[in-house]
Amino acid sequence: MTDSTLIDGFLLTDEKDASRYTLMRDGVLVSVLDYRDDGSTVALTRAFTVPNFRGHGYAARVVEGAVADIERRGGRKVDAVCWYVAEWFEQNPEHAGLLRRR
């Protein structure tokens, strides 16, 4: 099962069966965010941008889109396992309330 959203010319898709969000532009995969969802916490485990597309902020876009989707759905906290995701939350403190407290 998948859910997709069009954001500024990018297609953000939650590929639930693969436990990942993908970011596509013009039908081409540019970035991926892997996750684990245990029903109460979504652990964002790895952000990856295809090497040819690095340096354009696509990882930030996929994280931002995933966080917005998780917030919209409600009922889950986020565990920022991936270093990049943790840095994204540090740079976007307005979303800190979504983080799981350790």
C-alpha atoms as a PDB file:
ATOM      1  CA  MET A   1       0.000   0.000   0.000  1.00  0.00           C
ATOM      2  CA  THR A   2       1.242   3.501  -0.812  1.00  0.00           C
ATOM      3  CA  ASP A   3       0.169   7.091  -0.164  1.00  0.00           C
ATOM      4  CA  SER A   4       1.523   9.867  -2.374  1.00  0.00           C
ATOM      5  CA  THR A   5       1.561  13.647  -2.140  1.00  0.00           C
ATOM      6  CA  LEU A   6       2.703  16.173  -4.737  1.00  0.00           C
ATOM      7  CA  ILE A   7       4.880  18.889  -3.163  1.00  0.00           C
ATOM      8  CA  ASP A   8       6.499  21.642  -5.260  1.00  0.00           C
ATOM      9  CA  GLY A   9       6.953  19.376  -8.289  1.00  0.00           C
ATOM     10  CA  PHE A  10       8.154  16.407  -6.220  1.00  0.00           C
ATOM     11  CA  LEU A  11       6.191  13.246  -5.542  1.00  0.00           C
ATOM     12  CA  LEU A  12       6.526  12.082  -1.930  1.00  0.00           C
ATOM     13  CA  THR A  13       5.336   8.513  -1.454  1.00  0.00           C
ATOM     14  CA  ASP A  14       4.971   6.492   1.732  1.00  0.00           C
ATOM     15  CA  GLU A  15       5.698   2.960   0.545  1.00  0.00           C
ATOM     16  CA  LYS A  16       4.293   1.224   3.609  1.00  0.00           C
ATOM     17  CA  ASP A  17       5.126  -2.294   2.372  1.00  0.00           C
ATOM     18  CA  ALA A  18       8.790  -1.283   2.012  1.00  0.00           C
ATOM     19  CA  SER A  19       8.804   0.918   5.165  1.00  0.00           C
ATOM     20  CA  ARG A  20      10.188   3.916   3.330  1.00  0.00           C
ATOM     21  CA  TYR A  21       9.315   7.324   1.997  1.00  0.00           C
ATOM     22  CA  THR A  22      10.534   8.086  -1.513  1.00  0.00           C
ATOM     23  CA  LEU A  23      10.988  11.428  -3.234  1.00  0.00           C
ATOM     24  CA  MET A  24      10.711  11.479  -7.009  1.00  0.00           C
ATOM     25  CA  ARG A  25      11.127  14.255  -9.544  1.00  0.00           C
ATOM     26  CA  ASP A  26       9.947  13.784 -13.128  1.00  0.00           C
ATOM     27  CA  GLY A  27       9.550  10.055 -12.489  1.00  0.00           C
ATOM     28  CA  VAL A  28      13.124   9.656 -11.218  1.00  0.00           C
ATOM     29  CA  LEU A  29      13.974   8.564  -7.666  1.00  0.00           C
ATOM     30  CA  VAL A  30      16.115  11.213  -5.959  1.00  0.00           C
ATOM     31  CA  SER A  31      15.929  10.422  -2.223  1.00  0.00           C
ATOM     32  CA  VAL A  32      14.717   7.771   0.248  1.00  0.00           C
ATOM     33  CA  LEU A  33      13.934   7.779   3.967  1.00  0.00           C
ATOM     34  CA  ASP A  34      13.700   4.340   5.609  1.00  0.00           C
ATOM     35  CA  TYR A  35      11.643   3.846   8.755  1.00  0.00           C
ATOM     36  CA  ARG A  36      10.292   1.332  11.276  1.00  0.00           C
ATOM     37  CA  ASP A  37       6.800   1.869  12.681  1.00  0.00           C
ATOM     38  CA  ASP A  38       5.912  -0.060  15.846  1.00  0.00           C
ATOM     39  CA  GLY A  39       2.462   1.492  16.172  1.00  0.00           C
ATOM     40  CA  SER A  40       3.431   4.231  18.613  1.00  0.00           C
ATOM     41  CA  THR A  41       6.839   5.389  17.324  1.00  0.00           C
ATOM     42  CA  VAL A  42       8.186   5.855  13.817  1.00  0.00           C
ATOM     43  CA  ALA A  43      11.949   5.342  13.870  1.00  0.00           C
ATOM     44  CA  LEU A  44      13.469   7.264  10.944  1.00  0.00           C
ATOM     45  CA  THR A  45      16.487   5.069  10.350  1.00  0.00           C
ATOM     46  CA  ARG A  46      18.240   6.188   7.162  1.00  0.00           C
ATOM     47  CA  ALA A  47      18.066   9.118   4.775  1.00  0.00           C
ATOM     48  CA  PHE A  48      19.722   8.545   1.418  1.00  0.00           C
ATOM     49  CA  THR A  49      20.020  10.636  -1.730  1.00  0.00           C
ATOM     50  CA  VAL A  50      21.022   9.084  -5.033  1.00  0.00           C
ATOM     51  CA  PRO A  51      24.641  10.222  -5.615  1.00  0.00           C
ATOM     52  CA  ASN A  52      23.878  12.103  -8.855  1.00  0.00           C
ATOM     53  CA  PHE A  53      21.338  14.255  -6.990  1.00  0.00           C
ATOM     54  CA  ARG A  54      23.284  15.092  -3.829  1.00  0.00           C
ATOM     55  CA  GLY A  55      23.819  18.697  -2.810  1.00  0.00           C
ATOM     56  CA  HIS A  56      20.343  19.934  -3.778  1.00  0.00           C
ATOM     57  CA  GLY A  57      18.547  19.522  -0.449  1.00  0.00           C
ATOM     58  CA  TYR A  58      16.534  16.477  -1.477  1.00  0.00           C
ATOM     59  CA  ALA A  59      17.225  14.605   1.773  1.00  0.00           C
ATOM     60  CA  ALA A  60      15.821  17.587   3.680  1.00  0.00           C
ATOM     61  CA  ARG A  61      12.740  17.548   1.445  1.00  0.00           C
ATOM     62  CA  VAL A  62      12.045  13.854   2.040  1.00  0.00           C
ATOM     63  CA  VAL A  63      12.516  14.257   5.804  1.00  0.00           C
ATOM     64  CA  GLU A  64      10.311  17.360   5.878  1.00  0.00           C
ATOM     65  CA  GLY A  65       7.605  15.592   3.895  1.00  0.00           C
ATOM     66  CA  ALA A  66       7.754  12.477   6.075  1.00  0.00           C
ATOM     67  CA  VAL A  67       7.576  14.529   9.290  1.00  0.00           C
ATOM     68  CA  ALA A  68       4.592  16.479   7.930  1.00  0.00           C
ATOM     69  CA  ASP A  69       2.878  13.201   7.009  1.00  0.00           C
ATOM     70  CA  ILE A  70       3.525  11.679  10.452  1.00  0.00           C
ATOM     71  CA  GLU A  71       2.237  14.850  12.153  1.00  0.00           C
ATOM     72  CA  ARG A  72      -0.853  14.920   9.942  1.00  0.00           C
ATOM     73  CA  ARG A  73      -1.730  11.299  10.719  1.00  0.00           C
ATOM     74  CA  GLY A  74      -1.189  11.800  14.459  1.00  0.00           C
ATOM     75  CA  GLY A  75      -0.817   9.176  17.152  1.00  0.00           C
ATOM     76  CA  ARG A  76       2.912   8.583  16.614  1.00  0.00           C
ATOM     77  CA  LYS A  77       6.166   9.980  17.952  1.00  0.00           C
ATOM     78  CA  VAL A  78       9.400  10.063  15.941  1.00  0.00           C
ATOM     79  CA  ASP A  79      12.689   8.483  16.946  1.00  0.00           C
ATOM     80  CA  ALA A  80      15.457  10.237  14.964  1.00  0.00           C
ATOM     81  CA  VAL A  81      17.817   7.252  14.607  1.00  0.00           C
ATOM     82  CA  CYS A  82      19.560   8.583  11.479  1.00  0.00           C
ATOM     83  CA  TRP A  83      22.135  11.322  12.144  1.00  0.00           C
ATOM     84  CA  TYR A  84      20.757  13.400   9.274  1.00  0.00           C
ATOM     85  CA  VAL A  85      17.226  13.253  10.658  1.00  0.00           C
ATOM     86  CA  ALA A  86      18.516  14.239  14.121  1.00  0.00           C
ATOM     87  CA  GLU A  87      20.264  17.266  12.582  1.00  0.00           C
ATOM     88  CA  TRP A  88      17.103  18.157  10.658  1.00  0.00           C
ATOM     89  CA  PHE A  89      15.142  18.249  13.934  1.00  0.00           C
ATOM     90  CA  GLU A  90      17.846  20.439  15.508  1.00  0.00           C
ATOM     91  CA  GLN A  91      17.483  22.882  12.597  1.00  0.00           C
ATOM     92  CA  ASN A  92      13.666  22.738  12.761  1.00  0.00           C
ATOM     93  CA  PRO A  93      12.866  23.047  16.484  1.00  0.00           C
ATOM     94  CA  GLU A  94       9.216  23.824  15.755  1.00  0.00           C
ATOM     95  CA  HIS A  95       8.801  20.057  15.215  1.00  0.00           C
ATOM     96  CA  ALA A  96      10.582  18.996  18.433  1.00  0.00           C
ATOM     97  CA  GLY A  97       7.283  18.094  20.103  1.00  0.00           C
ATOM     98  CA  LEU A  98       7.028  15.152  17.722  1.00  0.00           C
ATOM     99  CA  LEU A  99      10.243  13.567  19.009  1.00  0.00           C
ATOM    100  CA  ARG A 100      10.082  10.611  21.354  1.00  0.00           C
ATOM    101  CA  ARG A 101      11.636  11.493  24.712  1.00  0.00           C
ATOM    102  CA  ARG A 102      14.342   9.119  25.874  1.00  0.00           C
END
